[in-house]
Amino acid sequence: MKTTIELPDALLEQARRFASDHDMTMKALIEQALREVMAKEKEQKKPFRLRDGSFDGGKGMSLDLKSWEQIRDIIYDPGAGRG
């Protein structure tokens, strides 16, 4: 696939010299650079880790839920489940 990119003149000249010094075409240099940048990015990505949301609430929290009515009551009146 053909595409057009705009580069600063100084960078383009530097890239041409680099490619020439390393017996590469500009196409090969750009392909290699893109592959390396994308591979590096993939290596650097850290896997998602869910942060620890637990807490030490002293005596803790305990609910004895035996029915949907109790659950509903607690949702609409959070103080209702405390005993």
N, C-alpha and C. Protein backbone atom coordinates (compact mmCIF):
# COMPACT_ATOMS: atom_id res chain seq x y z
N MET A 1 0.85 -1.17 0.00
CA MET A 1 0.00 0.00 0.00
C MET A 1 0.89 1.23 0.00
N LYS A 2 0.51 2.19 -0.76
CA LYS A 2 1.27 3.43 -0.80
C LYS A 2 0.59 4.45 0.09
N THR A 3 1.42 5.29 0.72
CA THR A 3 0.89 6.37 1.53
C THR A 3 1.88 7.53 1.49
N THR A 4 1.44 8.67 1.91
CA THR A 4 2.29 9.85 1.94
C THR A 4 2.39 10.33 3.38
N ILE A 5 3.60 10.61 3.82
CA ILE A 5 3.79 11.17 5.15
C ILE A 5 4.59 12.45 5.04
N GLU A 6 4.35 13.37 5.94
CA GLU A 6 5.11 14.61 5.97
C GLU A 6 6.04 14.58 7.16
N LEU A 7 7.34 14.81 6.88
CA LEU A 7 8.35 14.81 7.91
C LEU A 7 9.12 16.13 7.84
N PRO A 8 9.63 16.58 8.96
CA PRO A 8 10.51 17.75 8.92
C PRO A 8 11.71 17.45 8.02
N ASP A 9 12.17 18.45 7.29
CA ASP A 9 13.28 18.26 6.36
C ASP A 9 14.51 17.66 7.03
N ALA A 10 14.85 18.15 8.22
CA ALA A 10 16.05 17.67 8.91
C ALA A 10 15.91 16.19 9.27
N LEU A 11 14.72 15.78 9.72
CA LEU A 11 14.50 14.37 10.07
C LEU A 11 14.56 13.49 8.83
N LEU A 12 13.97 13.95 7.75
CA LEU A 12 14.00 13.17 6.51
C LEU A 12 15.43 12.99 6.03
N GLU A 13 16.22 14.05 6.07
CA GLU A 13 17.61 13.95 5.64
C GLU A 13 18.40 13.01 6.54
N GLN A 14 18.15 13.08 7.84
CA GLN A 14 18.81 12.19 8.79
C GLN A 14 18.42 10.73 8.51
N ALA A 15 17.16 10.49 8.23
CA ALA A 15 16.69 9.14 7.93
C ALA A 15 17.30 8.63 6.64
N ARG A 16 17.39 9.49 5.64
CA ARG A 16 18.01 9.07 4.36
C ARG A 16 19.47 8.67 4.56
N ARG A 17 20.20 9.48 5.36
CA ARG A 17 21.60 9.16 5.63
C ARG A 17 21.70 7.84 6.40
N PHE A 18 20.84 7.66 7.38
CA PHE A 18 20.86 6.43 8.18
C PHE A 18 20.60 5.22 7.28
N ALA A 19 19.58 5.32 6.44
CA ALA A 19 19.24 4.21 5.54
C ALA A 19 20.40 3.91 4.60
N SER A 20 21.01 4.95 4.06
CA SER A 20 22.13 4.76 3.14
C SER A 20 23.33 4.14 3.86
N ASP A 21 23.61 4.61 5.07
CA ASP A 21 24.74 4.07 5.83
C ASP A 21 24.54 2.61 6.21
N HIS A 22 23.30 2.19 6.30
CA HIS A 22 22.99 0.81 6.70
C HIS A 22 22.48 -0.04 5.54
N ASP A 23 22.73 0.42 4.33
CA ASP A 23 22.33 -0.29 3.12
C ASP A 23 20.85 -0.71 3.17
N MET A 24 20.01 0.25 3.52
CA MET A 24 18.57 0.01 3.61
C MET A 24 17.85 1.00 2.70
N THR A 25 16.65 0.62 2.31
CA THR A 25 15.80 1.57 1.63
C THR A 25 15.03 2.35 2.69
N MET A 26 14.47 3.47 2.31
CA MET A 26 13.63 4.24 3.24
C MET A 26 12.42 3.41 3.65
N LYS A 27 11.89 2.66 2.70
CA LYS A 27 10.74 1.81 3.01
C LYS A 27 11.10 0.80 4.10
N ALA A 28 12.25 0.15 3.96
CA ALA A 28 12.67 -0.84 4.96
C ALA A 28 12.92 -0.18 6.31
N LEU A 29 13.52 1.00 6.31
CA LEU A 29 13.77 1.72 7.56
C LEU A 29 12.47 2.06 8.27
N ILE A 30 11.51 2.58 7.54
CA ILE A 30 10.23 2.96 8.14
C ILE A 30 9.49 1.72 8.65
N GLU A 31 9.48 0.64 7.87
CA GLU A 31 8.83 -0.59 8.31
C GLU A 31 9.46 -1.11 9.60
N GLN A 32 10.79 -1.15 9.63
CA GLN A 32 11.49 -1.65 10.82
C GLN A 32 11.19 -0.77 12.03
N ALA A 33 11.24 0.53 11.84
CA ALA A 33 10.99 1.46 12.95
C ALA A 33 9.57 1.30 13.49
N LEU A 34 8.59 1.19 12.62
CA LEU A 34 7.21 1.02 13.05
C LEU A 34 7.03 -0.29 13.81
N ARG A 35 7.61 -1.37 13.29
CA ARG A 35 7.50 -2.66 13.98
C ARG A 35 8.12 -2.61 15.37
N GLU A 36 9.30 -1.99 15.47
CA GLU A 36 9.99 -1.90 16.76
C GLU A 36 9.20 -1.07 17.77
N VAL A 37 8.66 0.04 17.33
CA VAL A 37 7.88 0.90 18.23
C VAL A 37 6.64 0.17 18.71
N MET A 38 5.95 -0.52 17.82
CA MET A 38 4.73 -1.23 18.21
C MET A 38 5.04 -2.42 19.11
N ALA A 39 6.13 -3.12 18.86
CA ALA A 39 6.51 -4.25 19.70
C ALA A 39 6.90 -3.76 21.10
N LYS A 40 7.61 -2.66 21.17
CA LYS A 40 8.01 -2.09 22.46
C LYS A 40 6.78 -1.67 23.25
N GLU A 41 5.83 -1.06 22.60
CA GLU A 41 4.60 -0.63 23.27
C GLU A 41 3.85 -1.84 23.83
N LYS A 42 3.79 -2.90 23.05
CA LYS A 42 3.08 -4.11 23.48
C LYS A 42 3.76 -4.73 24.71
N GLU A 43 5.11 -4.72 24.73
CA GLU A 43 5.85 -5.26 25.86
C GLU A 43 5.66 -4.43 27.12
N GLN A 44 5.52 -3.13 26.97
CA GLN A 44 5.44 -2.23 28.12
C GLN A 44 4.08 -2.19 28.77
N LYS A 45 3.06 -2.63 28.07
CA LYS A 45 1.72 -2.58 28.65
C LYS A 45 1.63 -3.51 29.84
N LYS A 46 1.20 -2.96 30.95
CA LYS A 46 1.03 -3.77 32.15
C LYS A 46 -0.35 -4.39 32.13
N PRO A 47 -0.46 -5.62 32.58
CA PRO A 47 -1.78 -6.23 32.63
C PRO A 47 -2.65 -5.51 33.65
N PHE A 48 -3.94 -5.46 33.38
CA PHE A 48 -4.86 -4.80 34.29
C PHE A 48 -4.89 -5.54 35.62
N ARG A 49 -4.78 -4.77 36.69
CA ARG A 49 -4.87 -5.35 38.02
C ARG A 49 -5.87 -4.53 38.82
N LEU A 50 -6.91 -5.20 39.27
CA LEU A 50 -7.93 -4.55 40.08
C LEU A 50 -7.34 -4.19 41.43
N ARG A 51 -7.48 -2.93 41.82
CA ARG A 51 -6.90 -2.52 43.09
C ARG A 51 -7.68 -3.14 44.24
N ASP A 52 -7.01 -3.31 45.34
CA ASP A 52 -7.61 -3.91 46.53
C ASP A 52 -8.54 -2.88 47.16
N GLY A 53 -9.82 -3.12 47.12
CA GLY A 53 -10.80 -2.19 47.67
C GLY A 53 -11.27 -2.59 49.06
N SER A 54 -10.62 -3.56 49.65
CA SER A 54 -11.06 -4.00 50.97
C SER A 54 -10.69 -2.95 52.02
N PHE A 55 -11.33 -3.03 53.15
CA PHE A 55 -11.06 -2.10 54.24
C PHE A 55 -11.19 -2.82 55.56
N ASP A 56 -10.59 -2.23 56.58
CA ASP A 56 -10.69 -2.78 57.92
C ASP A 56 -11.66 -1.89 58.68
N GLY A 57 -12.87 -2.32 58.75
CA GLY A 57 -13.91 -1.51 59.38
C GLY A 57 -14.10 -1.81 60.85
N GLY A 58 -13.10 -2.32 61.51
CA GLY A 58 -13.24 -2.61 62.93
C GLY A 58 -14.04 -3.87 63.15
N LYS A 59 -15.29 -3.71 63.58
CA LYS A 59 -16.12 -4.88 63.87
C LYS A 59 -16.70 -5.51 62.61
N GLY A 60 -16.50 -4.86 61.49
CA GLY A 60 -16.96 -5.43 60.23
C GLY A 60 -18.44 -5.17 59.99
N MET A 61 -18.96 -5.82 58.99
CA MET A 61 -20.34 -5.60 58.60
C MET A 61 -20.97 -6.96 58.34
N SER A 62 -22.13 -7.17 58.88
CA SER A 62 -22.79 -8.45 58.70
C SER A 62 -24.27 -8.21 58.45
N LEU A 63 -24.79 -8.80 57.41
CA LEU A 63 -26.20 -8.70 57.10
C LEU A 63 -26.76 -10.10 56.97
N ASP A 64 -27.92 -10.30 57.53
CA ASP A 64 -28.59 -11.58 57.41
C ASP A 64 -29.77 -11.38 56.47
N LEU A 65 -29.56 -11.68 55.20
CA LEU A 65 -30.58 -11.44 54.19
C LEU A 65 -31.29 -12.74 53.86
N LYS A 66 -32.57 -12.78 54.17
CA LYS A 66 -33.34 -14.00 53.93
C LYS A 66 -34.41 -13.83 52.86
N SER A 67 -34.64 -12.60 52.45
CA SER A 67 -35.69 -12.40 51.46
C SER A 67 -35.38 -11.17 50.60
N TRP A 68 -36.01 -11.12 49.44
CA TRP A 68 -35.87 -9.97 48.57
C TRP A 68 -36.44 -8.72 49.23
N GLU A 69 -37.42 -8.89 50.07
CA GLU A 69 -38.00 -7.74 50.76
C GLU A 69 -36.95 -7.08 51.66
N GLN A 70 -36.15 -7.91 52.37
CA GLN A 70 -35.09 -7.37 53.21
C GLN A 70 -34.04 -6.63 52.37
N ILE A 71 -33.67 -7.21 51.25
CA ILE A 71 -32.71 -6.57 50.37
C ILE A 71 -33.25 -5.23 49.88
N ARG A 72 -34.51 -5.21 49.45
CA ARG A 72 -35.14 -3.98 48.98
C ARG A 72 -35.16 -2.93 50.08
N ASP A 73 -35.53 -3.35 51.30
CA ASP A 73 -35.59 -2.41 52.42
C ASP A 73 -34.21 -1.78 52.69
N ILE A 74 -33.17 -2.59 52.60
CA ILE A 74 -31.82 -2.08 52.85
C ILE A 74 -31.39 -1.12 51.74
N ILE A 75 -31.77 -1.42 50.51
CA ILE A 75 -31.42 -0.53 49.40
C ILE A 75 -32.05 0.84 49.59
N TYR A 76 -33.32 0.87 49.98
CA TYR A 76 -34.02 2.14 50.12
C TYR A 76 -33.82 2.79 51.48
N ASP A 77 -33.40 2.01 52.48
CA ASP A 77 -33.14 2.54 53.82
C ASP A 77 -31.91 1.81 54.35
N PRO A 78 -30.70 2.31 54.01
CA PRO A 78 -29.47 1.62 54.37
C PRO A 78 -29.36 1.32 55.88
N GLY A 79 -30.01 2.07 56.74
CA GLY A 79 -29.96 1.82 58.17
C GLY A 79 -30.79 0.64 58.60
N ALA A 80 -31.66 0.16 57.70
CA ALA A 80 -32.60 -0.90 58.06
C ALA A 80 -31.92 -2.24 58.30
N GLY A 81 -30.76 -2.50 57.70
CA GLY A 81 -30.11 -3.80 57.83
C GLY A 81 -29.22 -3.91 59.05
N ARG A 82 -29.03 -2.80 59.74
CA ARG A 82 -28.16 -2.84 60.92
C ARG A 82 -28.92 -3.36 62.12
N GLY A 83 -28.29 -4.20 62.85
CA GLY A 83 -29.03 -4.74 63.96
C GLY A 83 -28.31 -4.83 65.23
